[in-house]
């Protein structure tokens, strides 16, 4: 299973420190990752899901989200 992680700067430094014994990948993701409530969520265009799209408009909020 792949899981993207977003980390605080101090956690990222610990993650990259080769002197520290690494915990399992799942534990790293659970301990070091920012949690969902740490983010501000907003609807975006379905174009975000297509890898061929790459422009700044992708992160603009939209008024009428499609669910």
Foldseek 3Di string as FASTA:
>chain_A
DDDDADFDPVLVVVVPDPVDDDDDPVVSRVPGGDDPVVDDDAAFDPVVVDPVDDDPNRPDGDDDHDD
